[in-house]
Every structure is written in C-alpha cells, then in structure tokens.
PDB file of N, CA and C in Angstrom:
ATOM      1  N   MET A   1     110.853 127.455  97.048  1.00  0.00           N
ATOM      2  CA  MET A   1     112.022 126.357  97.985  1.00  0.00           C
ATOM      3  C   MET A   1     113.152 127.335  98.240  1.00  0.00           C
ATOM      4  N   SER A   2     114.192 127.673  99.148  1.00  0.00           N
ATOM      5  CA  SER A   2     115.299 128.378  99.267  1.00  0.00           C
ATOM      6  C   SER A   2     115.940 127.236 100.090  1.00  0.00           C
ATOM      7  N   LYS A   3     117.605 127.685  99.663  1.00  0.00           N
ATOM      8  CA  LYS A   3     118.617 127.080 100.620  1.00  0.00           C
ATOM      9  C   LYS A   3     119.550 127.803 101.302  1.00  0.00           C
ATOM     10  N   TYR A   4     120.013 127.814 101.919  1.00  0.00           N
ATOM     11  CA  TYR A   4     121.186 128.105 102.748  1.00  0.00           C
ATOM     12  C   TYR A   4     122.281 128.262 102.217  1.00  0.00           C
ATOM     13  N   THR A   5     122.751 129.625 102.003  1.00  0.00           N
ATOM     14  CA  THR A   5     124.550 129.782 101.418  1.00  0.00           C
ATOM     15  C   THR A   5     124.991 130.634 101.922  1.00  0.00           C
ATOM     16  N   ALA A   6     125.762 130.644 102.603  1.00  0.00           N
ATOM     17  CA  ALA A   6     127.227 131.149 102.892  1.00  0.00           C
ATOM     18  C   ALA A   6     128.160 132.040 102.191  1.00  0.00           C
ATOM     19  N   PHE A   7     128.538 133.004 102.161  1.00  0.00           N
ATOM     20  CA  PHE A   7     129.880 133.752 101.515  1.00  0.00           C
ATOM     21  C   PHE A   7     130.692 134.781 102.203  1.00  0.00           C
ATOM     22  N   ARG A   8     131.690 134.825 101.692  1.00  0.00           N
ATOM     23  CA  ARG A   8     132.759 135.784 102.108  1.00  0.00           C
ATOM     24  C   ARG A   8     132.270 137.027 101.441  1.00  0.00           C
ATOM     25  N   CYS A   9     132.347 137.928 102.566  1.00  0.00           N
ATOM     26  CA  CYS A   9     132.159 139.486 101.875  1.00  0.00           C
ATOM     27  C   CYS A   9     132.974 140.861 102.128  1.00  0.00           C
ATOM     28  N   PRO A  10     133.610 141.439 101.603  1.00  0.00           N
ATOM     29  CA  PRO A  10     134.255 142.577 102.943  1.00  0.00           C
ATOM     30  C   PRO A  10     133.577 143.635 103.466  1.00  0.00           C
ATOM     31  N   GLU A  11     134.164 143.635 105.185  1.00  0.00           N
ATOM     32  CA  GLU A  11     133.294 144.179 105.657  1.00  0.00           C
ATOM     33  C   GLU A  11     132.717 145.442 105.356  1.00  0.00           C
ATOM     34  N   ASP A  12     133.491 145.980 104.594  1.00  0.00           N
ATOM     35  CA  ASP A  12     132.879 147.385 104.457  1.00  0.00           C
ATOM     36  C   ASP A  12     131.772 147.685 103.101  1.00  0.00           C
ATOM     37  N   LEU A  13     131.709 146.755 102.458  1.00  0.00           N
ATOM     38  CA  LEU A  13     130.518 146.253 101.394  1.00  0.00           C
ATOM     39  C   LEU A  13     129.705 146.033 102.355  1.00  0.00           C
ATOM     40  N   LEU A  14     129.817 144.344 103.388  1.00  0.00           N
ATOM     41  CA  LEU A  14     128.871 144.216 104.216  1.00  0.00           C
ATOM     42  C   LEU A  14     128.113 145.371 104.622  1.00  0.00           C
ATOM     43  N   ASP A  15     128.618 146.008 105.097  1.00  0.00           N
ATOM     44  CA  ASP A  15     127.687 147.528 106.029  1.00  0.00           C
ATOM     45  C   ASP A  15     127.263 148.599 105.152  1.00  0.00           C
ATOM     46  N   LEU A  16     127.443 148.729 103.789  1.00  0.00           N
ATOM     47  CA  LEU A  16     126.939 149.498 102.775  1.00  0.00           C
ATOM     48  C   LEU A  16     125.496 148.717 102.804  1.00  0.00           C
ATOM     49  N   ALA A  17     126.034 147.421 102.486  1.00  0.00           N
ATOM     50  CA  ALA A  17     124.334 146.700 101.857  1.00  0.00           C
ATOM     51  C   ALA A  17     123.258 146.731 102.875  1.00  0.00           C
ATOM     52  N   LYS A  18     124.122 146.680 104.295  1.00  0.00           N
ATOM     53  CA  LYS A  18     123.376 146.392 105.243  1.00  0.00           C
ATOM     54  C   LYS A  18     122.294 148.057 105.981  1.00  0.00           C
ATOM     55  N   VAL A  19     123.225 149.236 105.427  1.00  0.00           N
ATOM     56  CA  VAL A  19     122.214 150.367 105.456  1.00  0.00           C
ATOM     57  C   VAL A  19     121.361 150.483 104.250  1.00  0.00           C
ATOM     58  N   LYS A  20     122.087 150.034 103.059  1.00  0.00           N
ATOM     59  CA  LYS A  20     121.036 150.209 101.784  1.00  0.00           C
ATOM     60  C   LYS A  20     119.609 149.015 102.131  1.00  0.00           C
ATOM     61  N   ALA A  21     119.831 148.272 102.689  1.00  0.00           N
ATOM     62  CA  ALA A  21     118.560 146.854 102.930  1.00  0.00           C
ATOM     63  C   ALA A  21     117.736 147.864 103.800  1.00  0.00           C
ATOM     64  N   LYS A  22     118.306 148.728 104.923  1.00  0.00           N
ATOM     65  CA  LYS A  22     117.190 149.052 105.905  1.00  0.00           C
ATOM     66  C   LYS A  22     116.533 150.182 105.349  1.00  0.00           C
ATOM     67  N   LYS A  23     117.236 151.291 104.488  1.00  0.00           N
ATOM     68  CA  LYS A  23     116.669 152.323 103.992  1.00  0.00           C
ATOM     69  C   LYS A  23     115.578 151.395 102.964  1.00  0.00           C
ATOM     70  N   ASP A  24     115.721 150.393 102.259  1.00  0.00           N
ATOM     71  CA  ASP A  24     114.836 149.597 101.478  1.00  0.00           C
ATOM     72  C   ASP A  24     113.667 148.943 102.156  1.00  0.00           C
ATOM     73  N   ARG A  25     113.907 149.062 103.614  1.00  0.00           N
ATOM     74  CA  ARG A  25     112.661 147.985 104.332  1.00  0.00           C
ATOM     75  C   ARG A  25     113.162 146.922 103.991  1.00  0.00           C
ATOM     76  N   ARG A  26     113.945 146.185 103.764  1.00  0.00           N
ATOM     77  CA  ARG A  26     114.513 144.738 103.577  1.00  0.00           C
ATOM     78  C   ARG A  26     115.097 144.315 104.487  1.00  0.00           C
ATOM     79  N   SER A  27     115.242 142.879 104.486  1.00  0.00           N
ATOM     80  CA  SER A  27     116.385 142.494 105.365  1.00  0.00           C
ATOM     81  C   SER A  27     117.165 141.891 104.492  1.00  0.00           C
ATOM     82  N   LEU A  28     118.613 142.263 105.212  1.00  0.00           N
ATOM     83  CA  LEU A  28     119.894 141.673 104.165  1.00  0.00           C
ATOM     84  C   LEU A  28     119.788 140.822 102.954  1.00  0.00           C
ATOM     85  N   SER A  29     119.295 139.895 103.656  1.00  0.00           N
ATOM     86  CA  SER A  29     119.073 138.696 102.618  1.00  0.00           C
ATOM     87  C   SER A  29     118.275 138.664 101.588  1.00  0.00           C
ATOM     88  N   ASN A  30     116.994 139.426 101.722  1.00  0.00           N
ATOM     89  CA  ASN A  30     116.085 139.763 100.815  1.00  0.00           C
ATOM     90  C   ASN A  30     116.742 140.842  99.713  1.00  0.00           C
ATOM     91  N   TYR A  31     116.872 142.118 100.206  1.00  0.00           N
ATOM     92  CA  TYR A  31     118.026 142.744  99.538  1.00  0.00           C
ATOM     93  C   TYR A  31     119.018 141.714  98.247  1.00  0.00           C
ATOM     94  N   ILE A  32     119.872 141.022  98.764  1.00  0.00           N
ATOM     95  CA  ILE A  32     120.903 140.530  98.290  1.00  0.00           C
ATOM     96  C   ILE A  32     120.051 139.371  97.156  1.00  0.00           C
ATOM     97  N   ILE A  33     118.781 139.207  97.645  1.00  0.00           N
ATOM     98  CA  ILE A  33     118.442 138.027  96.451  1.00  0.00           C
ATOM     99  C   ILE A  33     117.454 139.124  95.063  1.00  0.00           C
ATOM    100  N   THR A  34     117.350 139.933  96.136  1.00  0.00           N
ATOM    101  CA  THR A  34     116.715 140.795  94.745  1.00  0.00           C
ATOM    102  C   THR A  34     117.598 141.561  94.154  1.00  0.00           C
ATOM    103  N   LEU A  35     118.953 142.060  94.119  1.00  0.00           N
ATOM    104  CA  LEU A  35     119.635 142.457  93.234  1.00  0.00           C
ATOM    105  C   LEU A  35     120.381 141.106  92.347  1.00  0.00           C
ATOM    106  N   ILE A  36     120.497 139.907  93.050  1.00  0.00           N
ATOM    107  CA  ILE A  36     120.495 138.942  92.175  1.00  0.00           C
ATOM    108  C   ILE A  36     119.705 138.643  91.026  1.00  0.00           C
ATOM    109  N   GLU A  37     118.236 138.646  91.382  1.00  0.00           N
ATOM    110  CA  GLU A  37     117.211 138.252  90.704  1.00  0.00           C
ATOM    111  C   GLU A  37     117.227 139.403  89.477  1.00  0.00           C
ATOM    112  N   LYS A  38     117.544 140.602  89.677  1.00  0.00           N
ATOM    113  CA  LYS A  38     117.891 141.912  88.755  1.00  0.00           C
ATOM    114  C   LYS A  38     118.935 141.120  88.023  1.00  0.00           C
ATOM    115  N   ASP A  39     119.960 140.555  87.959  1.00  0.00           N
ATOM    116  CA  ASP A  39     120.645 140.453  87.310  1.00  0.00           C
ATOM    117  C   ASP A  39     121.400 139.346  86.165  1.00  0.00           C
ATOM    118  N   VAL A  40     120.072 138.243  86.810  1.00  0.00           N
ATOM    119  CA  VAL A  40     120.228 137.287  85.989  1.00  0.00           C
ATOM    120  C   VAL A  40     118.827 137.263  85.393  1.00  0.00           C
ATOM    121  N   ASP A  41     119.392 136.889  84.301  1.00  0.00           N
ATOM    122  CA  ASP A  41     118.096 136.531  83.176  1.00  0.00           C
ATOM    123  C   ASP A  41     117.303 135.193  83.384  1.00  0.00           C
ATOM    124  N   PRO A  42     115.698 135.551  83.589  1.00  0.00           N
ATOM    125  CA  PRO A  42     115.400 134.078  84.195  1.00  0.00           C
ATOM    126  C   PRO A  42     114.886 133.338  83.075  1.00  0.00           C
ATOM    127  N   VAL A  43     115.035 133.852  81.585  1.00  0.00           N
ATOM    128  CA  VAL A  43     114.907 133.029  80.305  1.00  0.00           C
ATOM    129  C   VAL A  43     116.508 132.696  80.111  1.00  0.00           C
ATOM    130  N   GLU A  44     117.229 133.226  80.641  1.00  0.00           N
ATOM    131  CA  GLU A  44     118.289 132.645  80.612  1.00  0.00           C
ATOM    132  C   GLU A  44     118.869 131.146  81.480  1.00  0.00           C
ATOM    133  N   LEU A  45     118.389 131.280  82.807  1.00  0.00           N
ATOM    134  CA  LEU A  45     117.997 130.273  83.519  1.00  0.00           C
ATOM    135  C   LEU A  45     117.518 128.866  82.982  1.00  0.00           C
ATOM    136  N   LYS A  46     116.209 129.261  82.188  1.00  0.00           N
ATOM    137  CA  LYS A  46     115.452 128.409  82.254  1.00  0.00           C
ATOM    138  C   LYS A  46     115.881 127.659  80.977  1.00  0.00           C
ATOM    139  N   GLU A  47     116.583 128.125  79.778  1.00  0.00           N
ATOM    140  CA  GLU A  47     117.480 127.301  78.764  1.00  0.00           C
ATOM    141  C   GLU A  47     118.458 126.508  79.675  1.00  0.00           C
ATOM    142  N   GLU A  48     119.252 127.214  80.323  1.00  0.00           N
ATOM    143  CA  GLU A  48     120.277 126.502  81.052  1.00  0.00           C
ATOM    144  C   GLU A  48     119.895 125.097  81.862  1.00  0.00           C
ATOM    145  N   GLN A  49     118.441 125.025  82.535  1.00  0.00           N
ATOM    146  CA  GLN A  49     118.351 124.333  83.180  1.00  0.00           C
ATOM    147  C   GLN A  49     117.666 123.025  82.229  1.00  0.00           C
ATOM    148  N   ALA A  50     116.632 123.071  81.148  1.00  0.00           N
ATOM    149  CA  ALA A  50     116.447 122.646  80.173  1.00  0.00           C
ATOM    150  C   ALA A  50     117.528 121.938  79.526  1.00  0.00           C
ATOM    151  N   ALA A  51     118.691 122.432  79.299  1.00  0.00           N
ATOM    152  CA  ALA A  51     119.919 121.875  78.695  1.00  0.00           C
ATOM    153  C   ALA A  51     120.720 120.756  79.542  1.00  0.00           C
ATOM    154  N   LYS A  52     120.612 120.638  80.644  1.00  0.00           N
ATOM    155  CA  LYS A  52     121.356 119.922  81.343  1.00  0.00           C
ATOM    156  C   LYS A  52     120.280 118.273  81.537  1.00  0.00           C
ATOM    157  N   PRO A  53     121.488 117.400  81.389  1.00  0.00           N
ATOM    158  CA  PRO A  53     120.550 116.360  81.421  1.00  0.00           C
ATOM    159  C   PRO A  53     119.998 115.366  82.517  1.00  0.00           C
ATOM    160  N   ALA A  54     119.158 114.796  82.539  1.00  0.00           N
ATOM    161  CA  ALA A  54     118.118 114.414  83.698  1.00  0.00           C
ATOM    162  C   ALA A  54     119.044 113.398  84.782  1.00  0.00           C
ATOM    163  N   LYS A  55     118.688 114.011  85.925  1.00  0.00           N
ATOM    164  CA  LYS A  55     120.333 113.004  86.503  1.00  0.00           C
ATOM    165  C   LYS A  55     119.823 111.166  86.392  1.00  0.00           C
ATOM    166  N   GLY A  56     120.388 110.616  86.693  1.00  0.00           N
ATOM    167  CA  GLY A  56     120.626 108.880  86.471  1.00  0.00           C
ATOM    168  C   GLY A  56     120.797 108.587  84.737  1.00  0.00           C
ATOM    169  N   LYS A  57     120.481 109.740  84.168  1.00  0.00           N
ATOM    170  CA  LYS A  57     120.475 109.274  82.697  1.00  0.00           C
ATOM    171  C   LYS A  57     121.764 109.848  81.750  1.00  0.00           C
ATOM    172  N   LYS A  58     122.318 109.015  80.798  1.00  0.00           N
ATOM    173  CA  LYS A  58     123.443 109.189  79.943  1.00  0.00           C
ATOM    174  C   LYS A  58     123.003 110.138  78.854  1.00  0.00           C
ATOM    175  N   GLY A  59     123.964 111.009  78.340  1.00  0.00           N
ATOM    176  CA  GLY A  59     123.868 111.050  77.293  1.00  0.00           C
ATOM    177  C   GLY A  59     124.278 112.479  77.033  1.00  0.00           C
TER     178      GLY A  59
END
C-alpha cells in the first residue's frame, strides 16, 4: 500500500533527480522511493514499529 506525499525540493536538485531517473528508466517517484529504501534499514523499521503501542491501548 502506498500513500501520497508531497514535499518541497530545490529546483536544481529536482531537475538532476529527473535526469537520473530517466537514465535509470524509472519514474521520479520510483527513483526517490528506491533511494529511500536503500538508506533505511528494514530491520530498524520493524523494531520501531514493534516498539509502538497499539492504538487505543495505554502503555
């Protein structure tokens, strides 16, 4: 599942990212998601999610 997210980006960086995405034959969105996935440790994310208390429960 994905969720729409918007953020501000300097124009020169956006232009460079678009060129890089095109060279990689990716959409800009897919290119950015790929970069984030490479930077974020999936194990770390799972640990953070496990540490969060369930909604509606106190603890």
